[in-house]
PDB file of N, CA and C in Angstrom:
ATOM      1  N   MET A   1     114.599 108.677  86.872  1.00  0.00           N
ATOM      2  CA  MET A   1     113.949 108.518  85.576  1.00  0.00           C
ATOM      3  C   MET A   1     114.839 107.682  84.653  1.00  0.00           C
ATOM      4  N   GLY A   2     114.210 106.959  83.746  1.00  0.00           N
ATOM      5  CA  GLY A   2     114.976 106.153  82.804  1.00  0.00           C
ATOM      6  C   GLY A   2     115.575 106.992  81.696  1.00  0.00           C
ATOM      7  N   ASP A   3     116.554 106.406  81.070  1.00  0.00           N
ATOM      8  CA  ASP A   3     117.219 107.059  79.948  1.00  0.00           C
ATOM      9  C   ASP A   3     116.260 107.120  78.757  1.00  0.00           C
ATOM     10  N   ALA A   4     116.207 108.263  78.107  1.00  0.00           N
ATOM     11  CA  ALA A   4     115.303 108.433  76.965  1.00  0.00           C
ATOM     12  C   ALA A   4     115.705 107.538  75.803  1.00  0.00           C
ATOM     13  N   LYS A   5     116.984 107.192  75.714  1.00  0.00           N
ATOM     14  CA  LYS A   5     117.480 106.333  74.640  1.00  0.00           C
ATOM     15  C   LYS A   5     117.492 104.895  75.117  1.00  0.00           C
ATOM     16  N   THR A   6     116.405 104.176  74.843  1.00  0.00           N
ATOM     17  CA  THR A   6     116.331 102.771  75.223  1.00  0.00           C
ATOM     18  C   THR A   6     116.190 101.932  73.978  1.00  0.00           C
ATOM     19  N   ASP A   7     116.646 100.678  74.070  1.00  0.00           N
ATOM     20  CA  ASP A   7     116.475  99.800  72.923  1.00  0.00           C
ATOM     21  C   ASP A   7     115.034  99.334  72.845  1.00  0.00           C
ATOM     22  N   HIS A   8     114.667  98.725  71.767  1.00  0.00           N
ATOM     23  CA  HIS A   8     113.270  98.372  71.531  1.00  0.00           C
ATOM     24  C   HIS A   8     112.726  97.446  72.608  1.00  0.00           C
ATOM     25  N   ASP A   9     113.521  96.468  73.051  1.00  0.00           N
ATOM     26  CA  ASP A   9     113.040  95.528  74.071  1.00  0.00           C
ATOM     27  C   ASP A   9     112.706  96.254  75.364  1.00  0.00           C
ATOM     28  N   SER A  10     113.536  97.199  75.778  1.00  0.00           N
ATOM     29  CA  SER A  10     113.249  97.931  77.009  1.00  0.00           C
ATOM     30  C   SER A  10     111.976  98.749  76.864  1.00  0.00           C
ATOM     31  N   HIS A  11     111.791  99.366  75.716  1.00  0.00           N
ATOM     32  CA  HIS A  11     110.581 100.156  75.486  1.00  0.00           C
ATOM     33  C   HIS A  11     109.354  99.260  75.508  1.00  0.00           C
ATOM     34  N   ARG A  12     109.456  98.110  74.884  1.00  0.00           N
ATOM     35  CA  ARG A  12     108.333  97.170  74.870  1.00  0.00           C
ATOM     36  C   ARG A  12     108.018  96.690  76.282  1.00  0.00           C
ATOM     37  N   GLU A  13     109.065  96.388  77.059  1.00  0.00           N
ATOM     38  CA  GLU A  13     108.851  95.955  78.426  1.00  0.00           C
ATOM     39  C   GLU A  13     108.193  97.051  79.257  1.00  0.00           C
ATOM     40  N   GLN A  14     108.627  98.278  79.080  1.00  0.00           N
ATOM     41  CA  GLN A  14     108.032  99.403  79.813  1.00  0.00           C
ATOM     42  C   GLN A  14     106.571  99.578  79.426  1.00  0.00           C
ATOM     43  N   ALA A  15     106.276  99.491  78.143  1.00  0.00           N
ATOM     44  CA  ALA A  15     104.890  99.631  77.683  1.00  0.00           C
ATOM     45  C   ALA A  15     104.020  98.522  78.269  1.00  0.00           C
ATOM     46  N   SER A  16     104.560  97.310  78.340  1.00  0.00           N
ATOM     47  CA  SER A  16     103.818  96.189  78.909  1.00  0.00           C
ATOM     48  C   SER A  16     103.529  96.421  80.388  1.00  0.00           C
ATOM     49  N   MET A  17     104.535  96.913  81.117  1.00  0.00           N
ATOM     50  CA  MET A  17     104.340  97.209  82.537  1.00  0.00           C
ATOM     51  C   MET A  17     103.282  98.289  82.716  1.00  0.00           C
ATOM     52  N   ASN A  18     103.303  99.305  81.871  1.00  0.00           N
ATOM     53  CA  ASN A  18     102.303 100.376  81.954  1.00  0.00           C
ATOM     54  C   ASN A  18     100.906  99.832  81.719  1.00  0.00           C
ATOM     55  N   ARG A  19     100.746  98.990  80.704  1.00  0.00           N
ATOM     56  CA  ARG A  19      99.428  98.420  80.418  1.00  0.00           C
ATOM     57  C   ARG A  19      98.937  97.573  81.584  1.00  0.00           C
ATOM     58  N   ARG A  20      99.827  96.734  82.148  1.00  0.00           N
ATOM     59  CA  ARG A  20      99.422  95.898  83.280  1.00  0.00           C
ATOM     60  C   ARG A  20      99.023  96.744  84.472  1.00  0.00           C
ATOM     61  N   TYR A  21      99.753  97.832  84.734  1.00  0.00           N
ATOM     62  CA  TYR A  21      99.406  98.706  85.859  1.00  0.00           C
ATOM     63  C   TYR A  21      98.040  99.352  85.649  1.00  0.00           C
ATOM     64  N   ILE A  22      97.779  99.848  84.446  1.00  0.00           N
ATOM     65  CA  ILE A  22      96.493 100.500  84.168  1.00  0.00           C
ATOM     66  C   ILE A  22      95.352  99.510  84.330  1.00  0.00           C
ATOM     67  N   ILE A  23      95.529  98.290  83.855  1.00  0.00           N
ATOM     68  CA  ILE A  23      94.497  97.256  84.014  1.00  0.00           C
ATOM     69  C   ILE A  23      94.279  96.974  85.493  1.00  0.00           C
ATOM     70  N   TRP A  24      95.374  96.813  86.257  1.00  0.00           N
ATOM     71  CA  TRP A  24      95.266  96.564  87.694  1.00  0.00           C
ATOM     72  C   TRP A  24      94.563  97.718  88.392  1.00  0.00           C
ATOM     73  N   ARG A  25      94.968  98.954  88.058  1.00  0.00           N
ATOM     74  CA  ARG A  25      94.375 100.138  88.696  1.00  0.00           C
ATOM     75  C   ARG A  25      92.880 100.207  88.406  1.00  0.00           C
ATOM     76  N   ASN A  26      92.486  99.959  87.165  1.00  0.00           N
ATOM     77  CA  ASN A  26      91.071 100.029  86.813  1.00  0.00           C
ATOM     78  C   ASN A  26      90.267  98.937  87.512  1.00  0.00           C
ATOM     79  N   ARG A  27      90.831  97.748  87.660  1.00  0.00           N
ATOM     80  CA  ARG A  27      90.131  96.665  88.354  1.00  0.00           C
ATOM     81  C   ARG A  27      89.974  96.960  89.832  1.00  0.00           C
ATOM     82  N   ASN A  28      90.894  97.753  90.402  1.00  0.00           N
ATOM     83  CA  ASN A  28      90.874  98.041  91.830  1.00  0.00           C
ATOM     84  C   ASN A  28      90.359  99.448  92.135  1.00  0.00           C
ATOM     85  N   ALA A  29      89.750 100.087  91.164  1.00  0.00           N
ATOM     86  CA  ALA A  29      89.316 101.475  91.327  1.00  0.00           C
ATOM     87  C   ALA A  29      88.260 101.623  92.417  1.00  0.00           C
ATOM     88  N   GLN A  30      87.468 100.593  92.686  1.00  0.00           N
ATOM     89  CA  GLN A  30      86.397 100.686  93.672  1.00  0.00           C
ATOM     90  C   GLN A  30      86.842 100.245  95.066  1.00  0.00           C
ATOM     91  N   ASP A  31      88.120  99.890  95.223  1.00  0.00           N
ATOM     92  CA  ASP A  31      88.643  99.453  96.516  1.00  0.00           C
ATOM     93  C   ASP A  31      88.857 100.682  97.399  1.00  0.00           C
ATOM     94  N   ARG A  32      87.980 100.877  98.389  1.00  0.00           N
ATOM     95  CA  ARG A  32      88.010 102.082  99.224  1.00  0.00           C
ATOM     96  C   ARG A  32      89.315 102.185 100.014  1.00  0.00           C
ATOM     97  N   ALA A  33      89.798 101.084 100.577  1.00  0.00           N
ATOM     98  CA  ALA A  33      91.035 101.122 101.361  1.00  0.00           C
ATOM     99  C   ALA A  33      92.213 101.519 100.478  1.00  0.00           C
ATOM    100  N   LEU A  34      92.251 100.974  99.273  1.00  0.00           N
ATOM    101  CA  LEU A  34      93.328 101.322  98.342  1.00  0.00           C
ATOM    102  C   LEU A  34      93.226 102.791  97.952  1.00  0.00           C
ATOM    103  N   GLN A  35      92.024 103.282  97.714  1.00  0.00           N
ATOM    104  CA  GLN A  35      91.840 104.680  97.336  1.00  0.00           C
ATOM    105  C   GLN A  35      92.294 105.607  98.468  1.00  0.00           C
ATOM    106  N   GLU A  36      91.991 105.229  99.713  1.00  0.00           N
ATOM    107  CA  GLU A  36      92.434 106.065 100.841  1.00  0.00           C
ATOM    108  C   GLU A  36      93.952 106.074 100.932  1.00  0.00           C
ATOM    109  N   LEU A  37      94.594 104.936 100.689  1.00  0.00           N
ATOM    110  CA  LEU A  37      96.048 104.875 100.708  1.00  0.00           C
ATOM    111  C   LEU A  37      96.647 105.765  99.611  1.00  0.00           C
ATOM    112  N   ILE A  38      96.073 105.711  98.416  1.00  0.00           N
ATOM    113  CA  ILE A  38      96.544 106.543  97.303  1.00  0.00           C
ATOM    114  C   ILE A  38      96.373 108.011  97.634  1.00  0.00           C
ATOM    115  N   ASN A  39      95.234 108.356  98.211  1.00  0.00           N
ATOM    116  CA  ASN A  39      94.992 109.763  98.564  1.00  0.00           C
ATOM    117  C   ASN A  39      96.016 110.249  99.585  1.00  0.00           C
ATOM    118  N   ARG A  40      96.330 109.423 100.581  1.00  0.00           N
ATOM    119  CA  ARG A  40      97.349 109.816 101.572  1.00  0.00           C
ATOM    120  C   ARG A  40      98.707 109.970 100.915  1.00  0.00           C
ATOM    121  N   ALA A  41      99.053 109.072  99.994  1.00  0.00           N
ATOM    122  CA  ALA A  41     100.350 109.137  99.309  1.00  0.00           C
ATOM    123  C   ALA A  41     100.432 110.376  98.424  1.00  0.00           C
ATOM    124  N   ASN A  42      99.335 110.761  97.791  1.00  0.00           N
ATOM    125  CA  ASN A  42      99.335 111.935  96.922  1.00  0.00           C
ATOM    126  C   ASN A  42      99.503 113.236  97.709  1.00  0.00           C
ATOM    127  N   VAL A  43      99.043 113.254  98.949  1.00  0.00           N
ATOM    128  CA  VAL A  43      99.164 114.459  99.794  1.00  0.00           C
ATOM    129  C   VAL A  43     100.602 114.628 100.261  1.00  0.00           C
ATOM    130  N   ALA A  44     101.267 113.504 100.528  1.00  0.00           N
ATOM    131  CA  ALA A  44     102.644 113.536 101.071  1.00  0.00           C
ATOM    132  C   ALA A  44     103.636 114.088 100.076  1.00  0.00           C
TER     133      ALA A  44
END
């Protein structure tokens, strides 16, 4: 886990990465192969 005390640039970069991931995940939500991979990873 990252350090809770980060400078503003690191926080902004992390927030940007989170937004990009959520957008990517939502665009790929209907991908059955990806969903099966996620389900297998969640069980492990």
